Protein backbone atom coordinates (compact mmCIF):
# COMPACT_ATOMS: atom_id res chain seq x y z
CA UNK A 1 -22.33 -115.08 7.91
CA UNK A 2 -22.29 -113.08 11.27
CA UNK A 3 -18.99 -111.39 12.32
CA UNK A 4 -19.11 -112.88 15.85
CA UNK A 5 -18.14 -116.27 14.32
CA UNK A 6 -14.93 -115.45 13.87
CA UNK A 7 -12.61 -117.84 15.06
CA UNK A 8 -9.77 -116.42 18.18
CA UNK A 9 -7.31 -118.82 17.52
CA UNK A 10 -7.83 -119.51 13.69
CA UNK A 11 -7.43 -116.18 11.12
CA UNK A 12 -8.58 -118.76 8.46
CA UNK A 13 -11.15 -120.09 9.38
CA UNK A 14 -14.70 -120.51 7.50
CA UNK A 15 -12.61 -118.36 4.51
CA UNK A 16 -13.55 -121.45 2.51
CA UNK A 17 -17.63 -119.12 1.20
CA UNK A 18 -15.68 -115.95 0.23
CA UNK A 19 -17.57 -115.98 -3.56
CA UNK A 20 -14.23 -115.03 -5.71
CA UNK A 21 -13.75 -111.64 -6.59
CA UNK A 22 -14.29 -110.16 -10.75
CA UNK A 23 -9.95 -110.37 -11.34
CA UNK A 24 -10.61 -106.98 -13.39
CA UNK A 25 -10.90 -103.55 -12.14
CA UNK A 26 -13.93 -101.39 -14.14
CA UNK A 27 -10.85 -99.89 -16.65
CA UNK A 28 -9.93 -103.40 -17.41
CA UNK A 29 -13.70 -104.59 -17.50
CA UNK A 30 -15.16 -102.19 -19.53
CA UNK A 31 -12.67 -101.05 -21.92
CA UNK A 32 -13.60 -97.66 -24.18
CA UNK A 33 -16.90 -97.25 -22.24
CA UNK A 34 -15.10 -96.75 -19.16
CA UNK A 35 -12.82 -94.17 -20.36
CA UNK A 36 -15.86 -92.21 -22.16
CA UNK A 37 -17.83 -92.26 -18.88
CA UNK A 38 -15.07 -91.03 -16.41
CA UNK A 39 -13.79 -88.12 -18.95
CA UNK A 40 -17.15 -87.16 -20.27
CA UNK A 41 -17.79 -86.47 -16.55
CA UNK A 42 -21.06 -88.33 -16.40
CA UNK A 43 -21.12 -88.33 -12.43
CA UNK A 44 -19.55 -85.20 -10.52
CA UNK A 45 -17.13 -87.72 -7.93
CA UNK A 46 -15.29 -90.22 -10.01
CA UNK A 47 -15.20 -92.67 -7.59
CA UNK A 48 -19.07 -92.64 -8.23
CA UNK A 49 -19.10 -95.33 -11.88
CA UNK A 50 -15.51 -97.60 -10.58
CA UNK A 51 -18.70 -98.20 -7.17
CA UNK A 52 -21.71 -98.45 -9.15
CA UNK A 53 -23.27 -102.21 -9.39
CA UNK A 54 -23.78 -103.59 -13.32
CA UNK A 55 -27.33 -105.06 -13.89
CA UNK A 56 -25.81 -106.95 -16.27
CA UNK A 57 -22.94 -109.26 -17.01
CA UNK A 58 -20.01 -106.80 -17.97
CA UNK A 59 -19.02 -108.19 -21.36
CA UNK A 60 -22.61 -107.68 -21.79
CA UNK A 61 -23.19 -104.43 -21.63
CA UNK A 62 -19.69 -103.64 -23.14
CA UNK A 63 -21.34 -105.27 -26.29
CA UNK A 64 -24.26 -102.94 -26.12
CA UNK A 65 -22.48 -99.93 -25.97
CA UNK A 66 -20.24 -100.86 -28.33
CA UNK A 67 -22.86 -101.90 -31.21
CA UNK A 68 -24.87 -98.45 -29.81
CA UNK A 69 -22.11 -95.64 -29.58
CA UNK A 70 -22.61 -94.71 -32.64
CA UNK A 71 -26.36 -94.94 -33.52
CA UNK A 72 -27.95 -91.12 -33.86
CA UNK A 73 -29.20 -89.56 -31.04
CA UNK A 74 -26.73 -92.41 -29.02
CA UNK A 75 -27.08 -90.41 -24.84
CA UNK A 76 -24.06 -92.32 -22.73
CA UNK A 77 -25.60 -90.98 -19.54
CA UNK A 78 -28.08 -92.48 -20.31
CA UNK A 79 -26.64 -95.69 -21.43
CA UNK A 80 -24.93 -96.15 -18.13
CA UNK A 81 -28.11 -95.15 -15.58
CA UNK A 82 -29.80 -98.30 -17.44
CA UNK A 83 -26.81 -100.78 -17.32
CA UNK A 84 -25.40 -99.54 -13.98
CA UNK A 85 -27.10 -98.83 -10.25
CA UNK A 86 -24.58 -96.68 -8.40
CA UNK A 87 -23.34 -97.86 -4.51
CA UNK A 88 -25.52 -96.37 -1.99
CA UNK A 89 -25.09 -95.89 2.25
CA UNK A 90 -26.81 -98.67 2.85
CA UNK A 91 -30.09 -97.80 5.26
CA UNK A 92 -29.89 -97.44 8.89
CA UNK A 93 -32.04 -95.63 11.70
CA UNK A 94 -29.58 -93.95 13.21
CA UNK A 95 -29.88 -90.74 13.91
CA UNK A 96 -27.75 -88.74 16.42
CA UNK A 97 -30.41 -88.03 19.37
CA UNK A 98 -30.03 -83.97 20.70
CA UNK A 99 -27.64 -83.17 23.46
CA UNK A 100 -26.15 -87.05 23.09
CA UNK A 101 -22.60 -87.23 24.48
CA UNK A 102 -19.53 -87.25 21.80
CA UNK A 103 -18.80 -90.87 23.20
CA UNK A 104 -21.98 -91.93 23.10
CA UNK A 105 -22.50 -90.60 20.08
CA UNK A 106 -18.65 -92.91 18.55
CA UNK A 107 -20.34 -95.85 20.62
CA UNK A 108 -23.19 -95.92 18.44
CA UNK A 109 -21.65 -95.29 14.81
CA UNK A 110 -19.89 -98.35 14.72
CA UNK A 111 -23.17 -100.22 13.79
CA UNK A 112 -23.62 -97.63 10.91
CA UNK A 113 -19.99 -97.89 9.97
CA UNK A 114 -19.82 -101.89 10.10
CA UNK A 115 -20.63 -104.07 6.46
CA UNK A 116 -20.90 -107.70 5.91
CA UNK A 117 -19.91 -109.96 3.65
CA UNK A 118 -23.82 -110.25 1.94
CA UNK A 119 -23.39 -107.03 1.11
CA UNK A 120 -20.73 -107.65 -2.00
CA UNK A 121 -22.84 -107.59 -4.33
CA UNK A 122 -22.30 -109.64 -8.14
CA UNK A 123 -20.10 -107.81 -10.86
CA UNK A 124 -19.25 -105.16 -8.81
CA UNK A 125 -15.36 -103.59 -8.22
CA UNK A 126 -15.61 -104.18 -4.24
CA UNK A 127 -13.34 -107.66 -3.27
CA UNK A 128 -15.40 -109.88 -0.72
CA UNK A 129 -14.63 -110.53 2.66
CA UNK A 130 -15.19 -113.37 4.92
CA UNK A 131 -16.43 -111.60 7.90
CA UNK A 132 -17.41 -107.97 8.61
CA UNK A 133 -15.87 -104.86 8.52
CA UNK A 134 -15.91 -100.69 9.50
CA UNK A 135 -15.60 -98.46 6.86
CA UNK A 136 -14.36 -95.05 7.33
CA UNK A 137 -18.01 -93.19 6.25
CA UNK A 138 -19.65 -90.89 3.60
CA UNK A 139 -18.30 -92.01 0.34
CA UNK A 140 -15.48 -94.32 1.00
CA UNK A 141 -17.78 -97.48 1.50
CA UNK A 142 -15.23 -99.90 1.65
CA UNK A 143 -12.49 -101.52 4.04
CA UNK A 144 -8.95 -99.25 4.37
CA UNK A 145 -5.52 -100.80 5.07
CA UNK A 146 -4.29 -98.10 7.46
CA UNK A 147 -7.37 -96.25 8.86
CA UNK A 148 -8.28 -99.55 10.16
CA UNK A 149 -5.73 -99.36 12.56
CA UNK A 150 -7.02 -96.22 14.18
CA UNK A 151 -10.23 -97.19 13.86
CA UNK A 152 -9.58 -100.16 15.78
CA UNK A 153 -8.68 -98.17 19.06
CA UNK A 154 -12.35 -96.93 19.37
CA UNK A 155 -13.81 -100.32 18.59
CA UNK A 156 -11.27 -101.32 21.88
CA UNK A 157 -12.90 -98.70 24.16
CA UNK A 158 -16.57 -99.21 22.87
CA UNK A 159 -16.54 -103.22 23.60
CA UNK A 160 -16.79 -104.35 19.75
CA UNK A 161 -13.80 -107.49 20.18
CA UNK A 162 -15.94 -108.98 18.39
CA UNK A 163 -15.62 -106.31 15.21
CA UNK A 164 -11.92 -106.45 15.53
CA UNK A 165 -11.58 -110.23 16.22
CA UNK A 166 -13.45 -109.73 12.28
CA UNK A 167 -11.31 -107.82 10.85
CA UNK A 168 -8.15 -109.91 12.20
CA UNK A 169 -9.62 -112.32 9.98
CA UNK A 170 -9.87 -109.87 7.38
CA UNK A 171 -6.65 -108.37 7.15
CA UNK A 172 -5.62 -112.70 7.76
CA UNK A 173 -7.40 -113.13 4.36
CA UNK A 174 -6.34 -110.34 2.13
CA UNK A 175 -2.43 -110.89 2.40
CA UNK A 176 -3.22 -114.57 2.61
CA UNK A 177 -4.95 -114.34 -1.41
CA UNK A 178 -3.45 -111.67 -2.53
CA UNK A 179 0.04 -111.02 -1.16
CA UNK A 180 -0.32 -108.22 0.72
CA UNK A 181 -3.41 -105.80 1.97
CA UNK A 182 -4.40 -104.09 -0.78
CA UNK A 183 -4.92 -100.15 0.04
CA UNK A 184 -9.37 -100.58 0.01
CA UNK A 185 -11.23 -104.10 -0.71
CA UNK A 186 -11.76 -102.51 -4.50
CA UNK A 187 -9.95 -104.32 -7.66
CA UNK A 188 -9.24 -101.10 -8.40
CA UNK A 189 -6.36 -100.60 -5.97
CA UNK A 190 -5.38 -104.30 -5.61
CA UNK A 191 -2.37 -102.71 -7.24
CA UNK A 192 -1.07 -101.07 -4.23
CA UNK A 193 -1.53 -101.05 -0.40
CA UNK A 194 -0.82 -98.62 2.55
CA UNK A 195 1.54 -97.83 5.18
CA UNK A 196 2.24 -100.92 6.20
CA UNK A 197 0.46 -101.09 10.00
CA UNK A 198 -0.67 -104.88 10.23
CA UNK A 199 2.65 -105.59 12.66
CA UNK A 200 0.78 -103.09 14.68
CA UNK A 201 -2.40 -103.90 14.86
CA UNK A 202 -1.52 -107.81 15.80
CA UNK A 203 0.11 -106.01 18.98
CA UNK A 204 -3.71 -104.58 19.40
CA UNK A 205 -5.51 -107.72 19.27
CA UNK A 206 -3.69 -109.46 21.34
CA UNK A 207 -3.44 -106.40 23.99
CA UNK A 208 -7.55 -106.16 23.92
CA UNK A 209 -7.45 -110.33 23.99
CA UNK A 210 -9.58 -110.38 20.78
CA UNK A 211 -6.98 -112.87 19.39
CA UNK A 212 -5.89 -116.15 21.15
CA UNK A 213 -1.94 -116.28 20.41
CA UNK A 214 -0.59 -113.40 18.00
CA UNK A 215 1.73 -116.00 16.48
CA UNK A 216 -0.69 -117.18 14.68
CA UNK A 217 -0.09 -113.94 12.47
CA UNK A 218 3.52 -114.78 11.47
CA UNK A 219 2.64 -116.51 8.60
CA UNK A 220 0.94 -113.31 7.31
CA UNK A 221 3.18 -111.17 8.64
CA UNK A 222 6.08 -112.49 6.58
CA UNK A 223 3.81 -112.61 3.74
CA UNK A 224 3.41 -109.02 3.71
CA UNK A 225 7.31 -108.70 4.13
CA UNK A 226 8.13 -110.95 1.34
CA UNK A 227 5.71 -108.63 -0.64
CA UNK A 228 7.18 -105.07 0.41
CA UNK A 229 11.39 -106.30 -0.67
CA UNK A 230 10.07 -108.10 -3.90
CA UNK A 231 13.27 -107.54 -5.21
CA UNK A 232 16.02 -106.18 -3.03
CA UNK A 233 18.02 -110.11 -3.28
CA UNK A 234 19.29 -108.57 -6.75
CA UNK A 235 19.47 -105.08 -6.76
CA UNK A 236 23.07 -103.58 -6.74
CA UNK A 237 24.02 -99.96 -5.46
CA UNK A 238 22.09 -97.15 -6.83
CA UNK A 239 19.28 -99.54 -8.39
CA UNK A 240 15.41 -99.40 -7.06
CA UNK A 241 13.22 -102.28 -7.70
CA UNK A 242 9.63 -101.57 -6.83
CA UNK A 243 9.44 -100.49 -3.25
CA UNK A 244 12.84 -100.91 -2.96
CA UNK A 245 15.79 -98.34 -3.64
CA UNK A 246 19.30 -99.41 -2.96
CA UNK A 247 21.69 -96.47 -2.28
CA UNK A 248 24.78 -95.87 -3.31
CA UNK A 249 26.72 -96.68 0.01
CA UNK A 250 25.26 -99.66 0.38
CA UNK A 251 21.99 -98.69 2.47
CA UNK A 252 19.01 -100.11 2.09
CA UNK A 253 15.78 -98.46 2.68
CA UNK A 254 11.94 -98.35 0.68
CA UNK A 255 9.57 -95.75 -1.07
CA UNK A 256 5.73 -96.04 -1.72
CA UNK A 257 4.52 -97.99 -4.91
CA UNK A 258 1.84 -98.87 -7.48
CA UNK A 259 2.32 -101.49 -9.90
CA UNK A 260 0.56 -98.84 -12.55
CA UNK A 261 1.16 -96.49 -14.52
CA UNK A 262 -1.48 -94.78 -15.15
CA UNK A 263 -3.78 -92.81 -14.04
CA UNK A 264 -5.97 -94.08 -11.12
CA UNK A 265 -9.69 -95.16 -11.58
CA UNK A 266 -11.32 -93.86 -9.01
CA UNK A 267 -10.05 -90.54 -9.92
CA UNK A 268 -9.60 -90.92 -13.98
CA UNK A 269 -10.29 -87.28 -15.62
CA UNK A 270 -8.01 -86.09 -12.11
CA UNK A 271 -4.81 -87.64 -13.24
CA UNK A 272 -5.03 -87.10 -16.51
CA UNK A 273 -6.05 -83.40 -16.46
CA UNK A 274 -2.65 -83.26 -14.00
CA UNK A 275 -0.09 -84.97 -16.28
CA UNK A 276 -0.79 -82.73 -19.15
CA UNK A 277 0.37 -79.43 -16.84
CA UNK A 278 3.67 -81.35 -16.06
CA UNK A 279 6.60 -81.48 -18.73
CA UNK A 280 7.56 -85.34 -17.94
CA UNK A 281 6.08 -88.14 -19.56
CA UNK A 282 2.75 -88.95 -18.33
CA UNK A 283 2.85 -92.36 -16.92
CA UNK A 284 5.85 -91.32 -14.87
CA UNK A 285 3.64 -88.65 -13.04
CA UNK A 286 0.86 -91.78 -12.76
CA UNK A 287 2.81 -93.52 -11.03
CA UNK A 288 3.55 -91.09 -8.91
CA UNK A 289 0.03 -89.98 -7.79
CA UNK A 290 -0.60 -93.72 -7.38
CA UNK A 291 2.20 -94.21 -4.90
CA UNK A 292 1.27 -90.65 -3.18
CA UNK A 293 -2.25 -93.17 -2.45
CA UNK A 294 -0.24 -95.64 -1.65
CA UNK A 295 1.77 -93.56 1.57
CA UNK A 296 -2.42 -92.53 2.48
CA UNK A 297 -1.26 -88.87 2.54
CA UNK A 298 -2.93 -88.13 -0.67
CA UNK A 299 -2.01 -85.53 -1.40
CA UNK A 300 0.20 -83.29 0.09
CA UNK A 301 3.04 -80.57 -0.98
CA UNK A 302 5.28 -83.09 0.75
CA UNK A 303 6.04 -85.31 -2.08
CA UNK A 304 5.72 -82.21 -4.46
CA UNK A 305 8.60 -80.24 -6.70
CA UNK A 306 6.34 -77.39 -6.50
CA UNK A 307 3.87 -77.24 -3.42
CA UNK A 308 1.50 -75.42 -5.68
CA UNK A 309 1.36 -77.87 -8.66
CA UNK A 310 0.28 -81.06 -7.95
CA UNK A 311 2.49 -82.33 -11.56
CA UNK A 312 5.08 -81.89 -9.75
CA UNK A 313 4.80 -84.92 -7.95
CA UNK A 314 7.98 -87.02 -7.56
CA UNK A 315 6.40 -89.68 -4.54
CA UNK A 316 8.94 -92.89 -5.76
CA UNK A 317 11.71 -90.81 -5.91
CA UNK A 318 11.81 -89.82 -1.77
CA UNK A 319 11.82 -92.55 0.67
CA UNK A 320 9.66 -91.86 3.86
CA UNK A 321 10.22 -92.36 7.56
CA UNK A 322 7.31 -93.52 8.40
CA UNK A 323 7.10 -96.25 5.51
CA UNK A 324 10.66 -96.96 6.78
CA UNK A 325 9.35 -96.66 10.37
CA UNK A 326 6.11 -99.14 10.06
CA UNK A 327 8.98 -101.84 8.34
CA UNK A 328 11.36 -101.30 11.13
CA UNK A 329 8.25 -102.51 13.21
CA UNK A 330 7.24 -104.81 10.93
CA UNK A 331 10.69 -106.79 10.95
CA UNK A 332 11.27 -106.53 14.65
CA UNK A 333 7.68 -107.92 15.18
CA UNK A 334 8.80 -111.40 12.83
CA UNK A 335 11.83 -111.28 15.09
CA UNK A 336 9.47 -111.54 18.17
CA UNK A 337 7.20 -113.87 17.07
CA UNK A 338 9.53 -116.32 15.20
CA UNK A 339 11.28 -116.11 18.61
CA UNK A 340 7.93 -116.91 20.03
CA UNK A 341 7.72 -120.14 17.90
CA UNK A 342 11.23 -121.18 18.55
CA UNK A 343 12.07 -120.49 15.62
CA UNK A 344 15.52 -118.70 16.95
CA UNK A 345 17.93 -118.20 13.71
CA UNK A 346 15.10 -116.15 11.95
CA UNK A 347 14.44 -114.12 14.95
CA UNK A 348 17.75 -113.36 14.82
CA UNK A 349 17.53 -113.27 10.44
CA UNK A 350 15.06 -110.23 11.30
CA UNK A 351 16.17 -108.97 14.51
CA UNK A 352 19.69 -107.74 12.40
CA UNK A 353 17.48 -106.29 9.79
CA UNK A 354 15.60 -104.15 11.43
CA UNK A 355 18.59 -103.18 13.33
CA UNK A 356 19.82 -102.17 9.82
CA UNK A 357 17.00 -100.70 9.09
CA UNK A 358 16.86 -98.17 12.55
CA UNK A 359 20.59 -97.34 11.67
CA UNK A 360 19.74 -96.60 8.09
CA UNK A 361 17.19 -94.42 8.77
CA UNK A 362 19.64 -92.58 12.16
CA UNK A 363 22.54 -92.16 9.10
CA UNK A 364 20.52 -91.31 5.92
CA UNK A 365 16.85 -89.50 7.60
CA UNK A 366 18.55 -87.61 10.66
CA UNK A 367 18.81 -83.41 10.18
CA UNK A 368 20.88 -82.96 13.82
CA UNK A 369 20.54 -79.11 13.34
CA UNK A 370 16.73 -79.13 12.34
CA UNK A 371 16.08 -81.75 15.45
CA UNK A 372 13.94 -83.64 13.28
CA UNK A 373 13.91 -86.43 10.76
CA UNK A 374 12.68 -86.16 6.70
CA UNK A 375 12.03 -88.11 3.96
CA UNK A 376 15.08 -88.45 1.91
CA UNK A 377 15.41 -88.07 -1.79
CA UNK A 378 17.41 -90.84 -3.80
CA UNK A 379 17.08 -89.92 -6.64
CA UNK A 380 18.78 -86.53 -5.61
CA UNK A 381 21.31 -87.85 -2.62
CA UNK A 382 19.72 -85.62 -0.24
CA UNK A 383 17.44 -84.42 2.67
CA UNK A 384 14.02 -83.26 2.35
CA UNK A 385 13.49 -79.84 4.09
CA UNK A 386 10.25 -79.89 4.21
CA UNK A 387 9.31 -80.89 8.34
CA UNK A 388 6.07 -83.26 8.52
CA UNK A 389 4.04 -85.09 11.21
CA UNK A 390 5.60 -88.22 10.15
CA UNK A 391 8.72 -87.11 11.75
CA UNK A 392 7.18 -88.36 14.82
CA UNK A 393 6.54 -92.30 13.56
CA UNK A 394 10.17 -93.38 14.96
CA UNK A 395 8.95 -92.43 18.65
CA UNK A 396 6.06 -94.75 18.20
CA UNK A 397 7.53 -97.71 16.16
CA UNK A 398 10.61 -97.40 19.37
CA UNK A 399 13.39 -96.86 17.14
CA UNK A 400 14.64 -93.43 18.17
CA UNK A 401 17.30 -92.43 20.54
CA UNK A 402 16.51 -90.40 24.05
CA UNK A 403 18.01 -87.34 23.04
CA UNK A 404 16.02 -87.61 19.30
CA UNK A 405 12.59 -87.72 21.15
CA UNK A 406 13.92 -84.77 22.84
CA UNK A 407 15.06 -82.45 20.33
CA UNK A 408 12.09 -83.67 18.56
CA UNK A 409 9.86 -82.83 20.85
CA UNK A 410 10.82 -79.32 21.52
CA UNK A 411 11.09 -79.48 16.70
CA UNK A 412 8.20 -79.86 17.13
CA UNK A 413 6.23 -77.72 20.23
CA UNK A 414 8.20 -74.98 18.10
CA UNK A 415 7.12 -75.57 14.08
CA UNK A 416 4.08 -78.22 14.37
CA UNK A 417 2.08 -77.04 17.34
CA UNK A 418 -1.17 -75.69 16.11
CA UNK A 419 -4.03 -74.40 18.24
CA UNK A 420 -6.04 -78.07 17.67
CA UNK A 421 -2.90 -80.09 17.33
CA UNK A 422 -0.72 -81.04 15.12
CA UNK A 423 -0.49 -79.99 11.69
CA UNK A 424 0.56 -82.07 9.04
CA UNK A 425 3.29 -79.36 7.68
CA UNK A 426 4.21 -76.10 7.82
CA UNK A 427 2.91 -75.60 3.74
CA UNK A 428 -0.22 -74.23 3.33
CA UNK A 429 -1.37 -75.25 -0.42
CA UNK A 430 -4.69 -76.92 -1.57
CA UNK A 431 -3.70 -80.10 -0.63
CA UNK A 432 -5.66 -81.47 2.41
CA UNK A 433 -2.33 -83.61 3.36
CA UNK A 434 -1.56 -80.00 4.38
CA UNK A 435 -1.32 -77.19 7.08
CA UNK A 436 -4.25 -76.07 7.86
CA UNK A 437 -5.15 -79.74 7.81
CA UNK A 438 -4.87 -81.56 11.16
CA UNK A 439 -6.07 -85.41 11.04
CA UNK A 440 -6.76 -87.85 13.61
CA UNK A 441 -3.88 -90.62 13.12
CA UNK A 442 -1.03 -87.94 12.93
CA UNK A 443 -2.45 -87.14 16.26
CA UNK A 444 -2.72 -90.30 18.08
CA UNK A 445 0.95 -90.86 16.59
CA UNK A 446 2.58 -88.19 17.95
CA UNK A 447 1.15 -88.45 21.25
CA UNK A 448 1.76 -92.34 22.53
CA UNK A 449 5.31 -91.33 20.34
CA UNK A 450 5.66 -88.73 22.96
CA UNK A 451 4.16 -90.85 25.68
CA UNK A 452 7.01 -93.23 24.74
CA UNK A 453 10.25 -91.52 25.50
CA UNK A 454 8.07 -89.64 28.51
CA UNK A 455 7.67 -86.48 26.69
CA UNK A 456 4.28 -86.60 28.85
CA UNK A 457 3.49 -82.54 28.65
CA UNK A 458 3.58 -82.41 25.19
CA UNK A 459 1.63 -85.61 24.57
CA UNK A 460 -0.88 -84.50 26.83
CA UNK A 461 -1.10 -81.34 25.49
CA UNK A 462 -1.76 -82.32 21.50
CA UNK A 463 -4.51 -84.31 23.28
CA UNK A 464 -6.43 -81.89 24.63
CA UNK A 465 -6.17 -79.09 21.49
CA UNK A 466 -7.18 -82.40 19.38
CA UNK A 467 -10.13 -83.22 21.83
CA UNK A 468 -11.52 -79.74 21.67
CA UNK A 469 -11.16 -78.99 18.56
CA UNK A 470 -13.27 -82.61 17.51
CA UNK A 471 -15.51 -81.52 20.73
CA UNK A 472 -16.23 -78.16 19.35
CA UNK A 473 -17.21 -78.91 15.64
CA UNK A 474 -19.54 -81.73 17.17
CA UNK A 475 -21.03 -79.33 20.19
CA UNK A 476 -21.89 -77.00 16.07
CA UNK A 477 -22.90 -79.61 13.69
CA UNK A 478 -23.52 -83.19 15.82
CA UNK A 479 -21.24 -84.72 13.84
CA UNK A 480 -17.20 -85.75 13.60
CA UNK A 481 -15.47 -85.60 10.00
CA UNK A 482 -11.85 -86.51 7.70
CA UNK A 483 -10.08 -83.63 8.81
CA UNK A 484 -10.09 -80.54 10.10
CA UNK A 485 -8.85 -76.72 10.06
CA UNK A 486 -6.56 -76.59 13.60
CA UNK A 487 -5.25 -72.71 13.33
CA UNK A 488 -6.70 -69.96 15.33
CA UNK A 489 -9.86 -68.58 15.30
CA UNK A 490 -11.02 -72.36 13.09
CA UNK A 491 -9.98 -75.01 15.46
CA UNK A 492 -13.49 -76.71 15.85
CA UNK A 493 -15.07 -74.13 14.27
CA UNK A 494 -14.65 -75.47 10.41
CA UNK A 495 -13.57 -78.55 8.85
CA UNK A 496 -10.05 -79.30 7.04
CA UNK A 497 -10.18 -78.40 3.09
CA UNK A 498 -8.28 -78.54 0.08
CA UNK A 499 -7.52 -82.24 -2.07
CA UNK A 500 -9.87 -84.14 -4.56
CA UNK A 501 -13.43 -84.15 -3.29
CA UNK A 502 -15.59 -82.41 -0.30
CA UNK A 503 -15.22 -83.21 3.24
CA UNK A 504 -16.09 -86.28 4.42
CA UNK A 505 -18.73 -86.84 7.58
CA UNK A 506 -17.99 -90.22 9.10
CA UNK A 507 -15.32 -90.84 9.59
CA UNK A 508 -14.19 -94.27 11.13
CA UNK A 509 -10.14 -93.12 11.90
CA UNK A 510 -11.41 -89.57 13.45
CA UNK A 511 -14.02 -91.75 16.14
CA UNK A 512 -11.30 -93.98 16.83
CA UNK A 513 -8.45 -91.90 17.85
CA UNK A 514 -10.82 -89.52 19.89
CA UNK A 515 -12.66 -92.57 21.24
CA UNK A 516 -9.83 -93.96 22.97
CA UNK A 517 -8.25 -89.63 24.05
CA UNK A 518 -11.65 -89.45 25.79
CA UNK A 519 -10.71 -92.56 27.73
CA UNK A 520 -6.93 -91.52 28.36
CA UNK A 521 -8.30 -87.73 29.38
CA UNK A 522 -12.18 -88.38 31.60
CA UNK A 523 -11.20 -84.35 32.97
CA UNK A 524 -11.43 -83.15 30.06
CA UNK A 525 -14.03 -81.08 28.43
CA UNK A 526 -14.67 -83.22 25.17
CA UNK A 527 -16.28 -85.71 27.46
CA UNK A 528 -18.89 -83.36 28.08
CA UNK A 529 -19.67 -82.24 24.57
CA UNK A 530 -23.45 -82.75 23.35
CA UNK A 531 -25.36 -82.58 20.37
CA UNK A 532 -26.99 -79.01 19.84
CA UNK A 533 -30.49 -79.31 20.01
CA UNK A 534 -32.01 -78.70 16.70
């Protein structure tokens, strides 16, 4: 099926042709074989095995392993090579020509990063999708939820409305099929979602004319909302269930959550080793690691009691300001579309929910003295003190006051603005969502948020610094990457560091945000950045 086959008015078009997904994750499917491979470090990257394509029926592979594993001379690596094919990047003829401008380079990358339904192999962990989609790149060979919103900014500027329409159909399909958008289209991601940005995607689809009616996506928006709010109606003050937390004063807010409390399959050994460094029950650590992955900020001192110890992670104890801002947007979107469809009662109901959430965010998460929004530690009943770039999210969704926006602008300029853009946090650690790393989605949230509150000078400053960072590294390396170092003397000279895996090239959301900012700043020097000659 070609990505151009998607109907512009029906998000459910042609989904009946999607092959059924294997309902089991690799850990479920391969049992002790899975544990042996991951703990034996057969592959350098734990994600490699969970993405492998089995050469035959998985049940037959597991039976063969059980029959042979205790025989003399059994070699696990040879067995894995005999029964699995590591997933490879699809072949591409794309080579970035010397002297190619940055904008043209990005425009040419979309075909390289596009995957199609025919590339969904049988028995793999990949969840089949009905239409074409864009992946981030590198080791990330599947669709990711919140990445895609920022990727779409670039697709729109590159004149790829058919790809945006295809991805709209895919997200509607995922919600219809699984009740939520998984972290990515892999079976091992089904137990969690990511920042709920589908409501913002719908605005983007409508703005660029890739769908005929935003109202067609109201059922999916309501279904996603039900996923995030499951169990909220029966909570008593002080209780939590899945993503919902009911504070002692009656305030209802949300946290990140994962249905499983086992090591992440794509980082199995890493999680086992992390949990061993904690005095808490291992399952609590696993749940918090998984919830950290659901946040998209995997990982950050933001979630840690000790900024230098990942084992101190407490993601589920925190009410994140960005998650609750995105849910405010979801509530207002449902209210708006319900009114558009003539359902005034539902519209008023969801507008009340949005108003209550906005008031709660202002009451619980705003620090008047610091002039910023912070996450709230609901277990300890106090604000978190670490400033992060998530403080700009209330501006992005329009729930902050003008005075709060003015205060946040001053705080960001004083504390988070770096040579290369807006920093993720103020804390240096070995986690990738910390200083000095900068990430494209955070630049866009900040730039767009400040623009909406007429803090245009700061918005432009963030954009200019980010474009300079990306442009300088492109001129040196002929590529865009996942994250960048923002500190003086390094901004644009080296990629970001830290994290569980090597720096990735590609890269979907960097391409998307940068392409949009190049359009918004046509005189910026990055528009003249060109790949160096060999």
